[in-house]
Amino acid sequence: MAKTSPGQFIREVRQETSKVTWPTRKETIVSTIMVFVMVFFAALFFFVVDQILSFGVGKILGLGG
């Protein structure tokens, strides 16, 4: 494994970060909103599934009214 000096490492890091395509502000905002929407739907889905399973287990064990 080749050893590189700290200076060489920093130069290589700067060179690689210059190749990165950073998202625009609009892309970041849209992506963030989509994440929140998906989290909301996932939470809603798991809440509904939990309620159904809870109801079913309650009926099976005779705990439900």
C-alpha atoms as a PDB file:
ATOM      1  CA  MET A   1       0.000   0.000   0.000  1.00  0.00           C
ATOM      2  CA  ALA A   2       1.492   3.301  -1.102  1.00  0.00           C
ATOM      3  CA  LYS A   3       2.002   6.012   1.499  1.00  0.00           C
ATOM      4  CA  THR A   4       0.900   9.509   0.592  1.00  0.00           C
ATOM      5  CA  SER A   5       1.890  12.687   2.349  1.00  0.00           C
ATOM      6  CA  PRO A   6      -0.776  14.793   4.069  1.00  0.00           C
ATOM      7  CA  GLY A   7      -0.282  17.526   1.457  1.00  0.00           C
ATOM      8  CA  GLN A   8      -0.785  15.063  -1.410  1.00  0.00           C
ATOM      9  CA  PHE A   9      -3.870  13.683   0.310  1.00  0.00           C
ATOM     10  CA  ILE A  10      -5.406  17.169   0.645  1.00  0.00           C
ATOM     11  CA  ARG A  11      -4.684  17.910  -3.036  1.00  0.00           C
ATOM     12  CA  GLU A  12      -6.352  14.655  -4.083  1.00  0.00           C
ATOM     13  CA  VAL A  13      -9.375  15.342  -1.883  1.00  0.00           C
ATOM     14  CA  ARG A  14      -9.791  18.820  -3.389  1.00  0.00           C
ATOM     15  CA  GLN A  15      -9.435  17.365  -6.878  1.00  0.00           C
ATOM     16  CA  GLU A  16     -12.129  14.765  -6.199  1.00  0.00           C
ATOM     17  CA  THR A  17     -14.559  17.222  -4.558  1.00  0.00           C
ATOM     18  CA  SER A  18     -14.280  19.472  -7.617  1.00  0.00           C
ATOM     19  CA  LYS A  19     -15.774  16.583  -9.639  1.00  0.00           C
ATOM     20  CA  VAL A  20     -18.860  16.364  -7.413  1.00  0.00           C
ATOM     21  CA  THR A  21     -22.109  17.628  -8.898  1.00  0.00           C
ATOM     22  CA  TRP A  22     -23.851  19.343  -6.015  1.00  0.00           C
ATOM     23  CA  PRO A  23     -27.673  19.552  -6.053  1.00  0.00           C
ATOM     24  CA  THR A  24     -29.339  22.889  -6.588  1.00  0.00           C
ATOM     25  CA  ARG A  25     -31.355  24.537  -3.826  1.00  0.00           C
ATOM     26  CA  LYS A  26     -34.592  23.582  -5.596  1.00  0.00           C
ATOM     27  CA  GLU A  27     -33.523  19.912  -5.919  1.00  0.00           C
ATOM     28  CA  THR A  28     -32.642  19.832  -2.226  1.00  0.00           C
ATOM     29  CA  ILE A  29     -35.990  21.322  -1.192  1.00  0.00           C
ATOM     30  CA  VAL A  30     -37.981  18.951  -3.427  1.00  0.00           C
ATOM     31  CA  SER A  31     -36.017  15.940  -2.143  1.00  0.00           C
ATOM     32  CA  THR A  32     -36.564  17.023   1.461  1.00  0.00           C
ATOM     33  CA  ILE A  33     -40.317  17.424   0.924  1.00  0.00           C
ATOM     34  CA  MET A  34     -40.496  13.997  -0.734  1.00  0.00           C
ATOM     35  CA  VAL A  35     -38.691  12.437   2.238  1.00  0.00           C
ATOM     36  CA  PHE A  36     -41.206  13.986   4.656  1.00  0.00           C
ATOM     37  CA  VAL A  37     -44.127  12.777   2.508  1.00  0.00           C
ATOM     38  CA  MET A  38     -42.743   9.226   2.374  1.00  0.00           C
ATOM     39  CA  VAL A  39     -42.084   9.230   6.137  1.00  0.00           C
ATOM     40  CA  PHE A  40     -45.671  10.359   6.741  1.00  0.00           C
ATOM     41  CA  PHE A  41     -47.104   7.586   4.558  1.00  0.00           C
ATOM     42  CA  ALA A  42     -44.819   4.962   6.108  1.00  0.00           C
ATOM     43  CA  ALA A  43     -45.850   6.059   9.607  1.00  0.00           C
ATOM     44  CA  LEU A  44     -49.522   6.003   8.612  1.00  0.00           C
ATOM     45  CA  PHE A  45     -49.131   2.532   7.082  1.00  0.00           C
ATOM     46  CA  PHE A  46     -47.429   1.094  10.158  1.00  0.00           C
ATOM     47  CA  PHE A  47     -49.990   2.747  12.452  1.00  0.00           C
ATOM     48  CA  VAL A  48     -52.859   1.133  10.532  1.00  0.00           C
ATOM     49  CA  VAL A  49     -51.141  -2.272  10.447  1.00  0.00           C
ATOM     50  CA  ASP A  50     -50.421  -2.006  14.190  1.00  0.00           C
ATOM     51  CA  GLN A  51     -54.052  -1.179  14.935  1.00  0.00           C
ATOM     52  CA  ILE A  52     -55.291  -4.109  12.838  1.00  0.00           C
ATOM     53  CA  LEU A  53     -52.865  -6.547  14.468  1.00  0.00           C
ATOM     54  CA  SER A  54     -53.687  -5.211  17.926  1.00  0.00           C
ATOM     55  CA  PHE A  55     -57.398  -5.658  17.266  1.00  0.00           C
ATOM     56  CA  GLY A  56     -56.843  -9.180  15.922  1.00  0.00           C
ATOM     57  CA  VAL A  57     -54.669 -10.277  18.838  1.00  0.00           C
ATOM     58  CA  GLY A  58     -57.164  -8.764  21.280  1.00  0.00           C
ATOM     59  CA  LYS A  59     -60.009 -10.741  19.713  1.00  0.00           C
ATOM     60  CA  ILE A  60     -57.988 -13.976  19.655  1.00  0.00           C
ATOM     61  CA  LEU A  61     -57.003 -13.641  23.322  1.00  0.00           C
ATOM     62  CA  GLY A  62     -60.452 -12.453  24.385  1.00  0.00           C
ATOM     63  CA  LEU A  63     -59.154  -9.079  25.532  1.00  0.00           C
ATOM     64  CA  GLY A  64     -61.220  -7.033  23.071  1.00  0.00           C
ATOM     65  CA  GLY A  65     -64.705  -5.794  23.776  1.00  0.00           C
END
